[in-house]
Every structure is written in structure tokens, then in C-alpha cells.
Amino acid sequence: ELRMSNDDIMFENGVFFITFLSNFGYDSILRVLGRDLRDFLNGLDNLHEYLRFTYVKMRPPSFFCVNESKTGITLQYRSKRRGFHHYVRGQITEIARLFYQTSMRIEIVSKTAEACGVVNCIFRLHFNNIRFAIVSDRLFESSPLCTVPSEVFFEVFPFNIVFNRGMRILNIGRGLFNTLPNLVNTLINENFLLIRPMIEFSWDAVIIHTNNVFELISMENKLQDGQASKERHKKASNASDNGLRLKGQMKYMPAWDAIVFLGTPVLRDVESMYSVGLYINDLSMHDSSRDLILAGEQQSAELKLALEQEQEKSAKLTESMKRLDEEKKKTDELLYQMIPKTVADRLRRGDSAVSTCETFDEVTILFSDICGFTNICGAITPLDVVNMLNNMYSVFDKLTEQNCVYKVETVGDAYMIVSGAPVKTEHHAPLMSEMAQDMIKAIANCKDPSGINPHLMMRIGLHTGMVVAGVVGVKMPRYCLFGDTVNTANKMESSGQRIHISATTKTKLDSYEAYVISDGSEVVLP
């Protein structure tokens, strides 16, 4: 049992929350929010407005110092959340102790509920307000101030707007007059949109939030220079908006019974300044507006140059990457012609060559050679031999793709292919039979360069059985087949005529009605 009232529990929670924020590093921003407690409290609304851009659903309270004296501050606290006034008491008490080394007692003077559901609470903060006493004494000791003529005021603050309780504009600064000359005697909330803070643009709302930074944007930019209007409107249309954006402070002037907006234009660069009809001479001389624009333009030119250089480098890099991709594609195609793709990908992943070896229970192997190849070579030049083999093997290579079989190797006039490896298929025998018949048809169209025969003739041997396949060697690696099946297929080719198949291959083909096997185990077209 805590033996504490609900108000005391909320108070202690407020104290703990400040300690919690400090432990997570937020004390750095809170520590510099104000030189004294009054400035800190008046700056909270501005801090909350910045946070609302990040936390959209945030419903922050509002704080405003109504009165200040040597004995403390009268603070107005407004919030849409009920029951947090004691929680706020604890927060302010801990802030005064932690950041300003001040002991404080907070009294709730009044608490009322407004029609819009907002709780309005008045606190009296009792503490020794030394800072107020020092500032007041210095102001009292200072020499009497001279009255500033209005023309000087409107020249020093060229973008100020003076408006009364009816929101009617009474006067404007010279810089604002140069770009928006028809503002006087119009309503400020009909000529400007209030971007920040997120409140209603009315006298009562503004007077409560004078401790906030205000941001306005003109609804229509009425350019005075008609000759340049087409060019300016063209440039302005490329921006997100063509209104003049002003950022500054709202200050109530009791002598005028009016509010003065002391603003400065928010400009990205020289182009945006020119698009709203402003010139360098229109900006204030006492602040950094001119320096920021000129320095920003210089940096913009440097950034543009750097950007162009980066874009040029990027274009070269893109072109290099494109060429690299093309070369990689060529390399891959060459590699896949030497080694099956599945095996090559495994080797790329770091697998050893031995690990790529695989046993295939049943494949069909084909060997072929040219009849009378030795005699033909003796009758023609070596270059003619190369051209003859190149023409013949180019045709055979295309046939391997059409019949879904894999070319293993060529040695002289010997051509070796396999079906059922590296891609397994149960139709390896008929696929290889089709390949053999296509090769016989193709060789009939290959002219014998020696003239011994009208065209080239060849022997083909097929055998079906088990093999072990894999990559061997480090330099010039090859995908090879090992086993008796290879030797038997080679013997079938050397001891036969046309297409000579083994009994094992014949048994596989017997299950396919499309193939008729003649005596002598030669495949005959149906």
C-alpha cells in the first residue's frame, strides 16, 4: 500500500519522467531550451511544434507565461487531455531543480474546462526569481529610450506585417510592399496560409501562441514587374508552390493594440527569390539573409559542378558495368559450352571438382567417326581438314541442341555425345537414336574435299549403361564420362556401319513403336 493520494502519484510520475528523459540523452535539448525558467516554459510550444512533424498523432499541451515577478511566474497550461495538471506540476518542479537549481512550490490557481474540450489551468510558480530581478534593475538603470519613427521601423524590418484584432492589415514593410503591394487594408488570413503552428489563424489563437515560431505563405504572388512576369511564372510553376514563404515571430504591441509579425523570407536559392519578385536589396541588412542567399548560391554552383562530375562518373560506371555484364555473359556462355551449367555453378560456389562427380545409372552414349578419314587427310591440306571438321561439327552442335543431348568432346574426327547426363531423362535412348539419324542425314550434305567420295560418310555406335561423370583437371577442366559403357559405345562405332547399336540400347528402343530395328542391329527409319 502506497498511502499516497492520486494527485501525489501523478506528481511523482511527472518528476520521474524528467529523470527518465535525462537518462536517455534528451536532457541536452531541454538544457538549452531557455536561459531562465520563463524562456524555457515559453519555448516548450515551439519544441512541441517541431515534434509534431515527426509524431503526427501527437496532441501537445500549450504553455504561456501570463505574468512574472520577483516571487515567481503565473503560467497558463492548456491541454485536450484531462487529469494531467498534477503530472505537469511534477515535471516543472523537477525541471527547475535539475536545470536551474531552483526550489519551487506550484499552486493551482484555477482549472476550467472550455467548450472545445480543452482544459485551461492557471499555475502560480512560487520561487525566488533572481533572473527577473537582475533584468528589471538593469532596464530601470538604463537611459530612457528614444521613440523610433515608424518609417525607420518598417525599413529595418522590411517583411513585417501589422494587423489588428479584426485580422486587417494596417501596414507592411518595404520589402513585402515591393512584391505584394496590395496587402494593406486586406485580411491577413485571406492573403496568407498559416503553415506553422497548427492552429486556427485568428486573433485569439495567435495571441496565445506568441511564443511560437510562425510560418506563413502567400496564397497568390502578385508580381509588380509585369515585363518579367511570364519568365517568373514559368520558373515558379516548376516549384512546389509560387507563394512567398515567411518565417518569424508574432509580437503584440499594446500601444497600437495590434500584432506585428516580424518575419524573414524563406528562400532556397536565387532562382526561388527571383520567382517571387524579390531582389537582394529587398532583404534585411542587419541579419544574415543576404549572406545566406549569396553563400548558398556559391555553394549551389559548386554543388551543381560536383553533381555534374558525379553524374559523368556515374554514367561511365554504368557503361563499365554494362560492358562487364556483357563480358560476363560471354564468359558464362563459353564456360557452359565447356562444362554443364549445373556443374559450373557448383564450382563457382566453391565446391571441389571431385564433389561434382555423379553416378548415372543409365545413359546412352554415341560415338562417331568419318569413314576413310586418314585417306582424306592425305589428299588435302591441313587447313582444308580443319575447315571440313569445323563445318561438320558446327552442324552437329546445332543438332545436339535440337535433340536435347550433351556434347562431351571431339578428338580428331571422333565425336562423342551423351543423353541422360548431366540432365537425367528416361528417354535417353530414343533421343540419342533421333540424334544419330539426324547426323546421317546431315553428313550426306557435307562434300568430301578430297574428291574420293561425293560426300562424307560416317560410322555411329550407341550403347546404354551406367557411367560416372564429373570434372577432372585444374587447367582446361573438362566434363568427362568414365565406365565400361564408354568403351562399349566406342567399340560399337568402330565395328559397325552406319548406326550400330548394342543389345542394351535395342531393348530400350523396343518399348517405342516408332523405331524398327533391322538385322545387324542397325536403326532403320520407320
Protein backbone atom coordinates (compact mmCIF):
# COMPACT_ATOMS: atom_id res chain seq x y z
CA GLU A 1 0.00 0.00 0.00
CA LEU A 2 1.50 3.36 -1.08
CA ARG A 3 -0.59 5.53 1.23
CA MET A 4 -0.45 8.31 -1.35
CA SER A 5 -3.26 10.23 -2.99
CA ASN A 6 -3.84 10.09 -6.75
CA ASP A 7 -2.59 13.67 -7.07
CA ASP A 8 0.68 12.80 -5.31
CA ILE A 9 1.16 9.72 -7.53
CA MET A 10 0.70 11.82 -10.68
CA PHE A 11 3.11 14.43 -9.27
CA GLU A 12 5.81 11.82 -8.62
CA ASN A 13 5.28 10.32 -12.09
CA GLY A 14 5.95 13.77 -13.57
CA VAL A 15 9.18 14.03 -11.56
CA PHE A 16 10.27 10.56 -12.69
CA PHE A 17 9.52 11.31 -16.35
CA ILE A 18 12.09 14.13 -16.43
CA THR A 19 14.68 11.81 -14.88
CA PHE A 20 13.72 9.16 -17.45
CA LEU A 21 14.28 11.61 -20.35
CA SER A 22 17.64 12.67 -18.90
CA ASN A 23 18.83 9.06 -18.72
CA PHE A 24 18.15 8.65 -22.47
CA GLY A 25 20.01 11.79 -23.55
CA TYR A 26 17.09 14.20 -24.02
CA ASP A 27 18.41 16.45 -21.23
CA SER A 28 20.79 18.09 -23.75
CA ILE A 29 17.96 19.69 -25.75
CA LEU A 30 15.98 20.56 -22.61
CA ARG A 31 19.02 22.20 -21.01
CA VAL A 32 19.47 24.70 -23.86
CA LEU A 33 15.78 25.45 -24.41
CA GLY A 34 15.90 28.65 -22.32
CA ARG A 35 18.36 30.79 -20.37
CA ASP A 36 15.91 31.02 -17.50
CA LEU A 37 12.71 29.23 -16.48
CA ARG A 38 10.42 31.75 -18.18
CA ASP A 39 12.18 31.33 -21.54
CA PHE A 40 12.13 27.56 -21.05
CA LEU A 41 8.36 27.47 -20.50
CA ASN A 42 7.65 29.81 -23.40
CA GLY A 43 9.85 27.69 -25.68
CA LEU A 44 8.03 24.43 -24.98
CA ASP A 45 5.27 25.14 -27.50
CA ASN A 46 7.85 25.72 -30.21
CA LEU A 47 9.60 22.45 -29.36
CA HIS A 48 6.28 20.61 -29.48
CA GLU A 49 5.52 22.05 -32.93
CA TYR A 50 8.77 20.62 -34.28
CA LEU A 51 8.00 17.25 -32.74
CA ARG A 52 4.56 17.19 -34.37
CA PHE A 53 6.18 16.93 -37.80
CA THR A 54 7.70 13.62 -36.67
CA TYR A 55 4.87 12.41 -34.45
CA VAL A 56 1.78 13.34 -36.45
CA LYS A 57 -0.72 11.99 -33.90
CA MET A 58 0.87 13.93 -31.06
CA ARG A 59 -1.54 16.23 -29.14
CA PRO A 60 0.84 18.54 -27.26
CA PRO A 61 -0.24 20.90 -24.49
CA SER A 62 0.35 24.66 -24.60
CA PHE A 63 2.27 26.76 -22.06
CA PHE A 64 2.25 30.55 -21.78
CA CYS A 65 3.75 32.79 -19.08
CA VAL A 66 0.97 35.25 -18.25
CA ASN A 67 2.85 37.20 -15.62
CA GLU A 68 6.28 37.28 -14.00
CA SER A 69 7.60 38.88 -10.85
CA LYS A 70 10.45 38.55 -8.38
CA THR A 71 8.47 35.95 -6.45
CA GLY A 72 7.60 33.69 -9.36
CA ILE A 73 5.63 33.16 -12.59
CA THR A 74 1.96 32.83 -13.41
CA LEU A 75 1.71 30.06 -16.03
CA GLN A 76 -1.24 29.15 -18.25
CA TYR A 77 -1.45 25.44 -19.14
CA ARG A 78 -3.93 24.31 -21.82
CA SER A 79 -4.43 20.69 -22.92
CA LYS A 80 -7.02 18.41 -24.53
CA ARG A 81 -6.00 15.66 -22.13
CA ARG A 82 -7.73 15.76 -18.77
CA GLY A 83 -6.25 14.92 -15.39
CA PHE A 84 -2.60 15.71 -16.13
CA HIS A 85 -2.24 19.02 -14.23
CA HIS A 86 -0.56 17.37 -11.22
CA TYR A 87 1.66 15.40 -13.60
CA VAL A 88 2.76 18.73 -15.15
CA ARG A 89 3.40 20.15 -11.66
CA GLY A 90 5.86 17.34 -11.03
CA GLN A 91 7.60 17.89 -14.38
CA ILE A 92 8.06 21.65 -13.89
CA THR A 93 9.25 21.17 -10.29
CA GLU A 94 11.92 18.67 -11.39
CA ILE A 95 12.99 20.82 -14.37
CA ALA A 96 13.51 23.80 -12.06
CA ARG A 97 15.58 21.68 -9.69
CA LEU A 98 17.58 19.79 -12.32
CA PHE A 99 18.35 22.52 -14.87
CA TYR A 100 18.04 25.78 -12.91
CA GLN A 101 18.95 24.66 -9.37
CA THR A 102 15.76 26.26 -8.09
CA SER A 103 13.43 25.07 -5.34
CA MET A 104 9.80 25.65 -6.32
CA ARG A 105 6.30 25.33 -4.97
CA ILE A 106 3.47 25.21 -7.51
CA GLU A 107 -0.07 26.30 -6.67
CA ILE A 108 -3.10 25.59 -8.85
CA VAL A 109 -4.93 28.92 -9.03
CA SER A 110 -7.81 27.81 -11.25
CA LYS A 111 -8.87 24.98 -13.51
CA THR A 112 -11.70 25.30 -16.04
CA ALA A 113 -12.95 23.30 -18.99
CA GLU A 114 -13.53 25.22 -22.26
CA ALA A 115 -16.31 24.48 -24.74
CA CYS A 116 -13.94 22.81 -27.24
CA GLY A 117 -12.88 20.24 -24.64
CA VAL A 118 -9.64 21.99 -23.71
CA VAL A 119 -8.68 22.14 -20.02
CA ASN A 120 -7.41 25.61 -19.04
CA CYS A 121 -5.31 25.56 -15.88
CA ILE A 122 -3.54 28.52 -14.21
CA PHE A 123 -0.47 27.69 -12.14
CA ARG A 124 1.39 30.02 -9.82
CA LEU A 125 5.03 29.07 -9.62
CA HIS A 126 6.44 30.32 -6.29
CA PHE A 127 10.24 30.64 -6.26
CA ASN A 128 12.98 33.23 -5.86
CA ASN A 129 13.08 34.66 -9.38
CA ILE A 130 16.55 36.19 -9.22
CA ARG A 131 16.86 36.43 -13.01
CA PHE A 132 13.80 38.67 -13.27
CA ALA A 133 15.15 40.98 -10.56
CA ILE A 134 18.51 41.37 -12.33
CA VAL A 135 16.94 42.12 -15.74
CA SER A 136 14.41 44.57 -14.23
CA ASP A 137 17.09 46.50 -12.35
CA ARG A 138 19.26 46.81 -15.45
CA LEU A 139 16.35 48.03 -17.54
CA PHE A 140 15.43 50.54 -14.85
CA GLU A 141 19.01 51.85 -14.65
CA SER A 142 19.35 52.23 -18.40
CA SER A 143 18.91 55.56 -20.13
CA PRO A 144 15.46 56.48 -21.50
CA LEU A 145 14.91 55.10 -24.98
CA CYS A 146 14.11 57.39 -27.86
CA THR A 147 10.94 56.82 -29.84
CA VAL A 148 11.62 55.02 -33.14
CA PRO A 149 9.83 56.63 -36.11
CA SER A 150 7.50 54.22 -37.94
CA GLU A 151 9.30 54.73 -41.27
CA VAL A 152 12.55 53.58 -39.66
CA PHE A 153 10.82 50.55 -38.11
CA PHE A 154 9.31 49.46 -41.42
CA GLU A 155 12.67 49.91 -43.15
CA VAL A 156 14.63 47.95 -40.53
CA PHE A 157 12.06 45.13 -40.66
CA PRO A 158 11.21 45.02 -44.40
CA PHE A 159 8.97 41.95 -44.12
CA ASN A 160 6.83 42.86 -41.10
CA ILE A 161 3.04 42.82 -41.12
CA VAL A 162 0.92 44.85 -38.68
CA PHE A 163 -2.69 43.67 -38.26
CA ASN A 164 -5.46 44.50 -35.80
CA ARG A 165 -7.99 42.41 -33.88
CA GLY A 166 -10.12 42.10 -36.99
CA MET A 167 -7.11 40.50 -38.79
CA ARG A 168 -6.99 43.53 -41.11
CA ILE A 169 -3.52 44.51 -42.29
CA LEU A 170 -2.65 48.05 -41.21
CA ASN A 171 0.85 48.31 -42.62
CA ILE A 172 3.65 46.24 -44.14
CA GLY A 173 7.42 46.55 -44.53
CA ARG A 174 9.11 47.88 -47.61
CA GLY A 175 10.42 44.54 -48.82
CA LEU A 176 6.97 42.98 -48.62
CA PHE A 177 5.44 46.02 -50.35
CA ASN A 178 7.80 45.55 -53.32
CA THR A 179 6.50 42.06 -54.05
CA LEU A 180 2.92 42.24 -52.64
CA PRO A 181 1.90 45.92 -52.88
CA ASN A 182 -1.87 45.43 -52.39
CA LEU A 183 -1.90 43.89 -48.90
CA VAL A 184 -2.79 46.95 -46.84
CA ASN A 185 -6.48 47.09 -45.72
CA THR A 186 -6.97 43.42 -46.62
CA LEU A 187 -7.36 40.47 -44.24
CA ILE A 188 -4.14 38.68 -43.42
CA ASN A 189 -5.85 35.28 -43.15
CA GLU A 190 -7.27 35.72 -46.68
CA ASN A 191 -3.86 36.50 -48.18
CA PHE A 192 -1.67 34.11 -46.22
CA LEU A 193 -1.92 30.48 -45.15
CA LEU A 194 -0.68 29.65 -41.65
CA ILE A 195 1.67 26.70 -42.05
CA ARG A 196 3.01 26.65 -38.51
CA PRO A 197 1.94 26.36 -35.72
CA MET A 198 -1.02 24.11 -36.48
CA ILE A 199 -3.69 26.44 -35.08
CA GLU A 200 -6.60 28.47 -36.35
CA PHE A 201 -5.43 31.68 -37.98
CA SER A 202 -7.37 34.07 -35.72
CA TRP A 203 -6.52 36.84 -33.25
CA ASP A 204 -7.32 34.79 -30.15
CA ALA A 205 -5.27 31.79 -31.32
CA VAL A 206 -2.28 33.91 -32.33
CA ILE A 207 -2.22 35.94 -29.09
CA ILE A 208 -2.00 32.72 -27.06
CA HIS A 209 0.87 31.32 -29.15
CA THR A 210 3.13 34.38 -29.46
CA ASN A 211 5.95 32.27 -28.02
CA ASN A 212 5.87 30.07 -31.15
CA VAL A 213 7.69 30.45 -34.44
CA PHE A 214 5.12 31.31 -37.14
CA GLU A 215 5.38 30.40 -40.80
CA LEU A 216 3.16 32.00 -43.44
CA ILE A 217 2.88 31.53 -47.18
CA SER A 218 1.13 33.91 -49.55
CA MET A 219 -1.84 32.45 -51.42
CA GLU A 220 -1.11 34.41 -54.59
CA ASN A 221 2.14 36.03 -55.57
CA LYS A 222 1.15 39.34 -57.22
CA LEU A 223 4.29 40.37 -59.05
CA GLN A 224 4.80 44.05 -59.58
CA ASP A 225 7.13 43.80 -62.56
CA GLY A 226 4.86 42.98 -65.48
CA GLN A 227 7.63 42.65 -68.06
CA ALA A 228 9.27 39.75 -66.23
CA SER A 229 6.05 38.09 -65.08
CA LYS A 230 6.00 35.42 -67.81
CA GLU A 231 9.54 34.31 -67.05
CA ARG A 232 8.93 34.35 -63.29
CA HIS A 233 5.69 32.40 -63.52
CA LYS A 234 7.41 29.81 -65.71
CA LYS A 235 10.14 29.31 -63.11
CA ALA A 236 7.67 29.41 -60.24
CA SER A 237 5.50 26.71 -61.82
CA ASN A 238 8.42 24.30 -61.59
CA ALA A 239 8.50 24.70 -57.79
CA SER A 240 6.09 23.07 -55.35
CA ASP A 241 4.40 26.45 -54.90
CA ASN A 242 4.99 30.00 -56.10
CA GLY A 243 3.97 31.75 -52.89
CA LEU A 244 6.23 33.88 -50.73
CA ARG A 245 7.07 31.96 -47.57
CA LEU A 246 7.74 34.00 -44.43
CA LYS A 247 9.04 32.77 -41.10
CA GLY A 248 9.19 34.80 -37.90
CA GLN A 249 7.65 35.94 -34.62
CA MET A 250 4.27 37.39 -33.64
CA LYS A 251 4.58 40.31 -31.17
CA TYR A 252 1.67 42.12 -29.50
CA MET A 253 2.14 45.91 -29.38
CA PRO A 254 -0.06 47.38 -26.58
CA ALA A 255 0.46 50.97 -27.78
CA TRP A 256 -1.02 50.06 -31.18
CA ASP A 257 -3.42 47.39 -29.91
CA ALA A 258 -2.13 45.33 -32.86
CA ILE A 259 0.12 42.36 -33.57
CA VAL A 260 3.33 42.77 -35.54
CA PHE A 261 4.63 39.80 -37.48
CA LEU A 262 8.42 40.17 -37.69
CA GLY A 263 9.30 37.80 -40.49
CA THR A 264 12.02 36.99 -42.95
CA PRO A 265 11.55 35.25 -46.31
CA VAL A 266 12.41 31.57 -46.59
CA LEU A 267 14.32 31.23 -49.86
CA ARG A 268 16.07 28.17 -51.25
CA ASP A 269 18.24 29.97 -53.78
CA VAL A 270 18.48 32.94 -56.11
CA GLU A 271 16.02 31.40 -58.56
CA SER A 272 13.32 31.00 -55.91
CA MET A 273 13.95 34.56 -54.73
CA TYR A 274 13.59 35.92 -58.25
CA SER A 275 10.48 33.84 -58.90
CA VAL A 276 8.58 35.62 -56.09
CA GLY A 277 9.74 39.06 -57.26
CA LEU A 278 12.44 39.71 -54.67
CA TYR A 279 15.93 41.13 -55.07
CA ILE A 280 18.98 41.11 -52.80
CA ASN A 281 18.40 44.76 -51.94
CA ASP A 282 14.94 43.91 -50.55
CA LEU A 283 16.42 41.74 -47.79
CA SER A 284 17.43 42.97 -44.36
CA MET A 285 20.94 44.28 -43.85
CA HIS A 286 21.07 43.64 -40.10
CA ASP A 287 20.59 39.86 -40.31
CA SER A 288 22.22 37.13 -42.39
CA SER A 289 19.55 36.92 -45.12
CA ARG A 290 21.72 38.42 -47.83
CA ASP A 291 24.79 36.44 -46.81
CA LEU A 292 22.83 33.18 -46.77
CA ILE A 293 21.46 33.75 -50.28
CA LEU A 294 24.83 34.70 -51.77
CA ALA A 295 26.72 31.97 -49.93
CA GLY A 296 24.01 29.48 -50.83
CA GLU A 297 24.24 30.44 -54.50
CA GLN A 298 28.01 29.97 -54.46
CA GLN A 299 27.65 26.60 -52.76
CA SER A 300 24.85 25.71 -55.17
CA ALA A 301 27.14 26.37 -58.14
CA GLU A 302 29.85 24.25 -56.55
CA LEU A 303 27.35 21.51 -55.78
CA LYS A 304 26.00 21.60 -59.33
CA LEU A 305 29.53 21.23 -60.69
CA ALA A 306 30.22 18.40 -58.27
CA LEU A 307 26.89 16.81 -59.19
CA GLU A 308 27.66 17.03 -62.90
CA GLN A 309 31.03 15.41 -62.29
CA GLU A 310 29.42 12.68 -60.21
CA GLN A 311 26.78 12.13 -62.88
CA GLU A 312 29.52 11.85 -65.50
CA LYS A 313 31.36 9.34 -63.31
CA SER A 314 28.11 7.53 -62.70
CA ALA A 315 27.44 7.34 -66.44
CA LYS A 316 30.93 5.95 -67.04
CA LEU A 317 30.47 3.50 -64.20
CA THR A 318 27.10 2.42 -65.61
CA GLU A 319 28.65 1.93 -69.03
CA SER A 320 31.52 -0.04 -67.48
CA MET A 321 29.07 -2.20 -65.54
CA LYS A 322 27.10 -2.78 -68.72
CA ARG A 323 30.23 -3.87 -70.54
CA LEU A 324 31.20 -6.02 -67.56
CA ASP A 325 27.81 -7.72 -67.69
CA GLU A 326 28.21 -8.33 -71.40
CA GLU A 327 31.69 -9.80 -70.92
CA LYS A 328 30.43 -11.90 -68.00
CA LYS A 329 27.63 -13.18 -70.20
CA LYS A 330 30.14 -14.14 -72.89
CA THR A 331 32.34 -15.81 -70.28
CA ASP A 332 29.36 -17.73 -68.90
CA GLU A 333 28.36 -18.88 -72.37
CA LEU A 334 31.91 -20.06 -73.06
CA LEU A 335 32.11 -21.80 -69.69
CA TYR A 336 28.73 -23.52 -70.16
CA GLN A 337 29.93 -24.81 -73.53
CA MET A 338 32.87 -26.48 -71.80
CA ILE A 339 31.16 -27.58 -68.56
CA PRO A 340 27.45 -28.17 -67.82
CA LYS A 341 25.76 -25.20 -66.16
CA THR A 342 24.76 -27.12 -63.02
CA VAL A 343 28.35 -28.31 -62.52
CA ALA A 344 29.86 -24.89 -63.30
CA ASP A 345 27.58 -23.19 -60.74
CA ARG A 346 28.68 -25.66 -58.07
CA LEU A 347 32.34 -24.97 -58.83
CA ARG A 348 31.68 -21.24 -58.56
CA ARG A 349 30.17 -21.74 -55.12
CA GLY A 350 33.48 -23.26 -54.02
CA ASP A 351 32.71 -26.97 -54.33
CA SER A 352 35.69 -29.15 -55.17
CA ALA A 353 35.95 -30.81 -58.58
CA VAL A 354 35.70 -34.29 -57.03
CA SER A 355 32.45 -33.36 -55.27
CA THR A 356 30.83 -32.65 -58.64
CA CYS A 357 31.25 -36.27 -59.75
CA GLU A 358 27.94 -38.09 -60.03
CA THR A 359 26.84 -41.62 -60.88
CA PHE A 360 24.22 -42.02 -63.60
CA ASP A 361 22.54 -45.41 -63.55
CA GLU A 362 21.50 -45.34 -67.19
CA VAL A 363 22.58 -43.15 -70.08
CA THR A 364 23.04 -43.64 -73.83
CA ILE A 365 26.40 -42.72 -75.36
CA LEU A 366 27.11 -42.10 -79.06
CA PHE A 367 30.49 -42.24 -80.81
CA SER A 368 31.00 -41.33 -84.47
CA ASP A 369 33.89 -41.01 -86.90
CA ILE A 370 34.43 -40.34 -90.62
CA CYS A 371 34.94 -43.32 -92.89
CA GLY A 372 38.33 -43.13 -94.63
CA PHE A 373 39.40 -40.11 -92.62
CA THR A 374 43.13 -40.99 -92.95
CA ASN A 375 42.94 -41.18 -96.74
CA ILE A 376 41.04 -37.92 -96.94
CA CYS A 377 43.65 -36.14 -94.78
CA GLY A 378 46.42 -37.42 -97.01
CA ALA A 379 44.79 -35.92 -100.08
CA ILE A 380 44.12 -32.38 -98.76
CA THR A 381 45.99 -29.69 -96.86
CA PRO A 382 45.80 -29.41 -93.05
CA LEU A 383 43.80 -26.19 -93.37
CA ASP A 384 41.25 -27.99 -95.53
CA VAL A 385 40.99 -30.68 -92.84
CA VAL A 386 40.28 -28.02 -90.20
CA ASN A 387 37.62 -26.36 -92.37
CA MET A 388 36.00 -29.73 -93.12
CA LEU A 389 35.77 -30.70 -89.42
CA ASN A 390 34.61 -27.22 -88.41
CA ASN A 391 31.75 -27.25 -90.93
CA MET A 392 30.70 -30.76 -89.93
CA TYR A 393 30.91 -30.19 -86.15
CA SER A 394 29.04 -26.86 -86.39
CA VAL A 395 26.11 -28.74 -87.93
CA PHE A 396 26.32 -31.49 -85.28
CA ASP A 397 26.47 -28.92 -82.45
CA LYS A 398 23.17 -27.42 -83.61
CA LEU A 399 21.65 -30.91 -83.75
CA THR A 400 22.65 -31.57 -80.11
CA GLU A 401 20.59 -28.55 -79.03
CA GLN A 402 17.61 -29.67 -81.12
CA ASN A 403 17.69 -33.24 -79.73
CA CYS A 404 18.45 -32.24 -76.08
CA VAL A 405 21.69 -34.25 -75.86
CA TYR A 406 25.05 -33.15 -74.43
CA LYS A 407 28.28 -32.93 -76.44
CA VAL A 408 31.13 -34.41 -74.38
CA GLU A 409 34.19 -33.97 -76.61
CA THR A 410 35.76 -34.25 -80.06
CA VAL A 411 39.10 -35.90 -80.79
CA GLY A 412 40.14 -35.60 -84.43
CA ASP A 413 37.19 -36.93 -86.43
CA ALA A 414 35.66 -38.69 -83.38
CA TYR A 415 32.52 -37.04 -81.98
CA MET A 416 31.17 -38.12 -78.56
CA ILE A 417 27.77 -37.19 -77.10
CA VAL A 418 25.60 -38.46 -74.25
CA SER A 419 21.90 -38.47 -73.40
CA GLY A 420 20.72 -38.80 -69.77
CA ALA A 421 23.63 -36.81 -68.33
CA PRO A 422 24.21 -34.23 -66.91
CA VAL A 423 20.42 -33.79 -67.11
CA LYS A 424 18.71 -37.06 -66.29
CA THR A 425 15.92 -38.34 -68.56
CA GLU A 426 14.25 -41.72 -69.03
CA HIS A 427 14.01 -41.10 -72.80
CA HIS A 428 17.77 -41.06 -73.36
CA ALA A 429 17.74 -43.96 -75.89
CA PRO A 430 15.17 -42.55 -78.35
CA LEU A 431 16.68 -39.05 -78.04
CA MET A 432 20.10 -40.42 -78.97
CA SER A 433 18.57 -42.52 -81.78
CA GLU A 434 16.99 -39.38 -83.25
CA MET A 435 20.36 -37.63 -82.97
CA ALA A 436 22.12 -40.47 -84.82
CA GLN A 437 19.62 -40.41 -87.67
CA ASP A 438 19.91 -36.60 -87.96
CA MET A 439 23.69 -36.92 -88.15
CA ILE A 440 23.42 -39.44 -91.01
CA LYS A 441 21.12 -37.06 -92.89
CA ALA A 442 23.44 -34.10 -92.25
CA ILE A 443 26.65 -35.88 -93.31
CA ALA A 444 25.10 -36.61 -96.71
CA ASN A 445 25.15 -32.85 -97.36
CA CYS A 446 28.84 -32.49 -96.45
CA LYS A 447 31.05 -32.62 -99.56
CA ASP A 448 34.21 -34.72 -99.48
CA PRO A 449 37.02 -32.17 -100.12
CA SER A 450 39.41 -34.91 -101.33
CA GLY A 451 37.06 -36.00 -104.12
CA ILE A 452 37.40 -39.66 -103.17
CA ASN A 453 33.64 -39.85 -102.49
CA PRO A 454 30.81 -37.50 -103.49
CA HIS A 455 30.13 -36.75 -99.84
CA LEU A 456 31.46 -37.71 -96.44
CA MET A 457 30.36 -40.98 -94.82
CA MET A 458 30.46 -41.91 -91.17
CA ARG A 459 30.05 -44.74 -88.65
CA ILE A 460 28.00 -44.32 -85.48
CA GLY A 461 27.88 -46.56 -82.40
CA LEU A 462 25.39 -46.42 -79.48
CA HIS A 463 25.39 -48.16 -76.12
CA THR A 464 23.28 -47.79 -72.97
CA GLY A 465 24.55 -48.29 -69.44
CA MET A 466 25.91 -46.78 -66.24
CA VAL A 467 28.61 -44.11 -66.12
CA VAL A 468 30.32 -41.78 -63.63
CA ALA A 469 30.54 -38.17 -64.83
CA GLY A 470 32.44 -35.20 -63.41
CA VAL A 471 35.04 -32.52 -63.92
CA VAL A 472 38.70 -33.54 -63.97
CA GLY A 473 41.83 -31.42 -64.09
CA VAL A 474 42.71 -27.91 -62.93
CA LYS A 475 43.92 -26.36 -66.18
CA MET A 476 41.48 -26.67 -69.08
CA PRO A 477 38.96 -28.62 -66.95
CA ARG A 478 36.67 -30.97 -68.83
CA TYR A 479 33.43 -32.77 -68.10
CA CYS A 480 34.29 -36.45 -68.67
CA LEU A 481 32.45 -39.79 -68.59
CA PHE A 482 34.00 -42.93 -67.07
CA GLY A 483 32.93 -46.59 -67.18
CA ASP A 484 32.61 -49.66 -69.42
CA THR A 485 29.65 -48.03 -71.16
CA VAL A 486 32.07 -45.54 -72.78
CA ASN A 487 34.37 -48.30 -74.04
CA THR A 488 31.45 -50.40 -75.33
CA ALA A 489 29.95 -47.46 -77.24
CA ASN A 490 33.35 -46.80 -78.82
CA LYS A 491 33.64 -50.45 -79.92
CA MET A 492 30.10 -50.37 -81.37
CA GLU A 493 31.18 -47.46 -83.56
CA SER A 494 34.48 -49.00 -84.76
CA SER A 495 32.94 -52.38 -85.62
CA GLY A 496 29.76 -51.29 -87.39
CA GLN A 497 28.38 -49.49 -90.43
CA ARG A 498 26.04 -46.51 -90.38
CA ILE A 499 24.27 -46.73 -87.00
CA HIS A 500 25.34 -49.70 -84.89
CA ILE A 501 23.57 -50.15 -81.52
CA SER A 502 24.13 -52.57 -78.66
CA ALA A 503 21.60 -55.09 -77.35
CA THR A 504 21.02 -52.90 -74.29
CA THR A 505 20.12 -49.93 -76.44
CA LYS A 506 17.92 -52.15 -78.66
CA THR A 507 16.00 -53.33 -75.57
CA LYS A 508 15.33 -49.71 -74.59
CA LEU A 509 14.15 -48.81 -78.09
CA ASP A 510 11.87 -51.86 -78.39
CA SER A 511 9.45 -50.18 -75.99
CA TYR A 512 8.96 -47.35 -78.50
CA GLU A 513 6.80 -48.26 -81.52
CA ALA A 514 8.36 -45.55 -83.70
CA TYR A 515 11.62 -47.46 -84.03
CA VAL A 516 12.16 -50.57 -86.20
CA ILE A 517 15.44 -52.44 -85.72
CA SER A 518 16.76 -54.40 -88.74
CA ASP A 519 19.05 -57.41 -88.72
CA GLY A 520 22.57 -56.43 -87.79
CA SER A 521 21.24 -54.13 -85.02
CA GLU A 522 21.04 -51.06 -87.21
CA VAL A 523 18.34 -48.45 -86.67
CA VAL A 524 16.05 -48.19 -89.68
CA LEU A 525 13.68 -45.28 -90.26
CA PRO A 526 10.02 -46.36 -89.83
